[in-house]
C-alpha atoms as a PDB file:
ATOM      1  CA  GLN A   1      75.492 111.154 179.903  1.00  0.00           C
ATOM      2  CA  VAL A   2      76.450 113.350 176.965  1.00  0.00           C
ATOM      3  CA  GLN A   3      74.393 113.854 173.814  1.00  0.00           C
ATOM      4  CA  LEU A   4      75.558 115.374 170.550  1.00  0.00           C
ATOM      5  CA  VAL A   5      72.700 116.565 168.376  1.00  0.00           C
ATOM      6  CA  GLU A   6      73.434 117.488 164.777  1.00  0.00           C
ATOM      7  CA  SER A   7      71.378 119.558 162.384  1.00  0.00           C
ATOM      8  CA  GLY A   8      71.718 121.256 159.024  1.00  0.00           C
ATOM      9  CA  GLY A   9      72.188 118.404 156.590  1.00  0.00           C
ATOM     10  CA  GLY A  10      70.186 118.108 153.409  1.00  0.00           C
ATOM     11  CA  PHE A  11      70.164 118.074 149.653  1.00  0.00           C
ATOM     12  CA  VAL A  12      71.981 120.703 147.603  1.00  0.00           C
ATOM     13  CA  GLN A  13      73.211 121.155 144.066  1.00  0.00           C
ATOM     14  CA  ALA A  14      76.910 121.251 143.266  1.00  0.00           C
ATOM     15  CA  GLY A  15      78.370 124.644 144.069  1.00  0.00           C
ATOM     16  CA  GLY A  16      75.887 125.234 146.845  1.00  0.00           C
ATOM     17  CA  SER A  17      76.382 125.655 150.571  1.00  0.00           C
ATOM     18  CA  LEU A  18      75.219 124.046 153.781  1.00  0.00           C
ATOM     19  CA  ARG A  19      75.948 124.734 157.423  1.00  0.00           C
ATOM     20  CA  LEU A  20      76.038 121.901 159.946  1.00  0.00           C
ATOM     21  CA  SER A  21      75.614 122.429 163.667  1.00  0.00           C
ATOM     22  CA  CYS A  22      76.248 120.102 166.578  1.00  0.00           C
ATOM     23  CA  ALA A  23      75.310 120.915 170.150  1.00  0.00           C
ATOM     24  CA  ALA A  24      76.590 118.978 173.138  1.00  0.00           C
ATOM     25  CA  SER A  25      74.360 118.592 176.169  1.00  0.00           C
ATOM     26  CA  GLY A  26      74.322 116.641 179.392  1.00  0.00           C
ATOM     27  CA  SER A  27      76.478 116.482 182.462  1.00  0.00           C
ATOM     28  CA  PHE A  28      80.176 117.137 181.880  1.00  0.00           C
ATOM     29  CA  PHE A  29      83.052 119.337 183.000  1.00  0.00           C
ATOM     30  CA  SER A  30      84.662 120.434 179.743  1.00  0.00           C
ATOM     31  CA  ILE A  31      85.123 119.690 176.066  1.00  0.00           C
ATOM     32  CA  ASN A  32      88.523 119.493 174.409  1.00  0.00           C
ATOM     33  CA  THR A  33      88.504 118.642 170.713  1.00  0.00           C
ATOM     34  CA  MET A  34      85.385 118.890 168.600  1.00  0.00           C
ATOM     35  CA  ALA A  35      85.352 117.607 165.051  1.00  0.00           C
ATOM     36  CA  TRP A  36      83.380 116.573 162.013  1.00  0.00           C
ATOM     37  CA  TYR A  37      83.828 113.220 160.320  1.00  0.00           C
ATOM     38  CA  ARG A  38      82.057 111.830 157.271  1.00  0.00           C
ATOM     39  CA  GLN A  39      81.363 108.437 155.812  1.00  0.00           C
ATOM     40  CA  ALA A  40      80.374 107.880 152.208  1.00  0.00           C
ATOM     41  CA  PRO A  41      78.744 104.623 151.056  1.00  0.00           C
ATOM     42  CA  GLY A  42      81.309 101.850 150.848  1.00  0.00           C
ATOM     43  CA  LYS A  43      84.064 103.971 152.364  1.00  0.00           C
ATOM     44  CA  GLN A  44      85.655 104.312 155.771  1.00  0.00           C
ATOM     45  CA  ARG A  45      84.800 107.188 158.057  1.00  0.00           C
ATOM     46  CA  GLU A  46      87.245 110.033 157.574  1.00  0.00           C
ATOM     47  CA  LEU A  47      88.108 113.155 159.510  1.00  0.00           C
ATOM     48  CA  VAL A  48      86.867 116.288 157.760  1.00  0.00           C
ATOM     49  CA  ALA A  49      88.043 118.915 160.250  1.00  0.00           C
ATOM     50  CA  ASN A  50      88.824 119.262 163.928  1.00  0.00           C
ATOM     51  CA  ILE A  51      89.085 122.198 166.277  1.00  0.00           C
ATOM     52  CA  PRO A  52      90.866 121.622 169.576  1.00  0.00           C
ATOM     53  CA  SER A  53      90.185 123.894 172.502  1.00  0.00           C
ATOM     54  CA  GLY A  54      92.868 126.517 172.005  1.00  0.00           C
ATOM     55  CA  GLY A  55      94.746 124.471 169.433  1.00  0.00           C
ATOM     56  CA  VAL A  56      95.361 124.377 165.694  1.00  0.00           C
ATOM     57  CA  ILE A  57      92.478 123.673 163.339  1.00  0.00           C
ATOM     58  CA  ASN A  58      92.992 120.866 160.850  1.00  0.00           C
ATOM     59  CA  TYR A  59      91.228 120.049 157.581  1.00  0.00           C
ATOM     60  CA  VAL A  60      91.434 117.114 155.241  1.00  0.00           C
ATOM     61  CA  ASP A  61      93.058 118.286 152.012  1.00  0.00           C
ATOM     62  CA  SER A  62      89.935 117.727 149.917  1.00  0.00           C
ATOM     63  CA  VAL A  63      87.948 120.405 151.788  1.00  0.00           C
ATOM     64  CA  LYS A  64      90.619 123.039 152.387  1.00  0.00           C
ATOM     65  CA  GLY A  65      89.488 126.435 151.145  1.00  0.00           C
ATOM     66  CA  ARG A  66      85.847 125.308 150.940  1.00  0.00           C
ATOM     67  CA  PHE A  67      84.873 124.239 154.475  1.00  0.00           C
ATOM     68  CA  THR A  68      85.259 126.172 157.718  1.00  0.00           C
ATOM     69  CA  ILE A  69      84.954 124.670 161.193  1.00  0.00           C
ATOM     70  CA  SER A  70      84.196 126.873 164.184  1.00  0.00           C
ATOM     71  CA  ARG A  71      82.898 126.500 167.712  1.00  0.00           C
ATOM     72  CA  ASP A  72      80.987 128.453 170.331  1.00  0.00           C
ATOM     73  CA  ASN A  73      82.271 127.305 173.702  1.00  0.00           C
ATOM     74  CA  ALA A  74      79.517 129.101 175.587  1.00  0.00           C
ATOM     75  CA  LYS A  75      76.960 127.009 173.703  1.00  0.00           C
ATOM     76  CA  ASN A  76      79.071 123.817 173.526  1.00  0.00           C
ATOM     77  CA  THR A  77      78.412 123.858 169.812  1.00  0.00           C
ATOM     78  CA  VAL A  78      80.566 123.170 166.765  1.00  0.00           C
ATOM     79  CA  TYR A  79      79.730 124.277 163.235  1.00  0.00           C
ATOM     80  CA  LEU A  80      80.829 123.284 159.766  1.00  0.00           C
ATOM     81  CA  GLN A  81      80.255 125.805 157.013  1.00  0.00           C
ATOM     82  CA  MET A  82      80.462 123.987 153.695  1.00  0.00           C
ATOM     83  CA  ASN A  83      80.778 126.057 150.516  1.00  0.00           C
ATOM     84  CA  SER A  84      81.361 125.124 146.881  1.00  0.00           C
ATOM     85  CA  LEU A  85      80.004 121.659 147.577  1.00  0.00           C
ATOM     86  CA  LYS A  86      80.872 118.843 145.216  1.00  0.00           C
ATOM     87  CA  PRO A  87      79.136 115.505 144.568  1.00  0.00           C
ATOM     88  CA  GLU A  88      82.076 113.759 146.239  1.00  0.00           C
ATOM     89  CA  ASP A  89      81.166 115.545 149.481  1.00  0.00           C
ATOM     90  CA  THR A  90      78.041 113.386 149.648  1.00  0.00           C
ATOM     91  CA  ALA A  91      78.176 111.416 152.899  1.00  0.00           C
ATOM     92  CA  VAL A  92      76.768 111.050 156.368  1.00  0.00           C
ATOM     93  CA  TYR A  93      78.469 113.666 158.528  1.00  0.00           C
ATOM     94  CA  TYR A  94      79.137 112.857 162.182  1.00  0.00           C
ATOM     95  CA  CYS A  95      79.942 115.218 164.996  1.00  0.00           C
ATOM     96  CA  TYR A  96      82.611 114.182 167.509  1.00  0.00           C
ATOM     97  CA  ALA A  97      83.584 115.574 170.893  1.00  0.00           C
ATOM     98  CA  ARG A  98      86.181 114.635 173.455  1.00  0.00           C
ATOM     99  CA  VAL A  99      84.551 115.337 176.783  1.00  0.00           C
ATOM    100  CA  TYR A 100      85.796 115.354 180.376  1.00  0.00           C
ATOM    101  CA  ARG A 101      83.279 113.901 182.801  1.00  0.00           C
ATOM    102  CA  GLU A 102      83.475 111.695 185.868  1.00  0.00           C
ATOM    103  CA  TYR A 103      87.256 112.252 186.107  1.00  0.00           C
ATOM    104  CA  ALA A 104      88.019 110.853 182.662  1.00  0.00           C
ATOM    105  CA  TRP A 105      88.165 111.865 179.017  1.00  0.00           C
ATOM    106  CA  ASN A 106      85.624 110.114 176.790  1.00  0.00           C
ATOM    107  CA  ASN A 107      84.755 110.189 173.102  1.00  0.00           C
ATOM    108  CA  TYR A 108      81.211 110.931 171.972  1.00  0.00           C
ATOM    109  CA  TRP A 109      79.518 110.842 168.577  1.00  0.00           C
ATOM    110  CA  GLY A 110      76.404 112.329 167.119  1.00  0.00           C
ATOM    111  CA  GLN A 111      73.832 110.272 165.260  1.00  0.00           C
ATOM    112  CA  GLY A 112      74.896 111.586 161.864  1.00  0.00           C
ATOM    113  CA  THR A 113      73.276 113.874 159.332  1.00  0.00           C
ATOM    114  CA  GLN A 114      73.019 113.153 155.621  1.00  0.00           C
ATOM    115  CA  VAL A 115      74.525 115.567 153.110  1.00  0.00           C
ATOM    116  CA  THR A 116      73.717 114.896 149.470  1.00  0.00           C
ATOM    117  CA  VAL A 117      75.228 116.969 146.662  1.00  0.00           C
ATOM    118  CA  SER A 118      73.834 116.518 143.172  1.00  0.00           C
ATOM    119  CA  SER A 119      75.823 117.182 140.008  1.00  0.00           C
END
């Protein structure tokens, strides 16, 4: 199996920063896209940023210029550096990875980490 373990969420005042980490572990051959999604209360889950293996990084418009996604392939880890946080960034943040194992591509999710930004 594959596990995605997130860390780094918490409580911060508006204008502050947080860094999320997500490490993939288990038995697999490779990872293609890694990403961060978020879900605020009463809203649908939305893509925040994704980073394909060797591809173009994408951000949702609302976080451009404030958030930076990166990955360390040697550690199978993806990061999300969040600066200039706003109350509307409050949500549960989920890590996502598209993983190749047992001759097939599969989608995996982390358990989620809460980010709360106070005004």
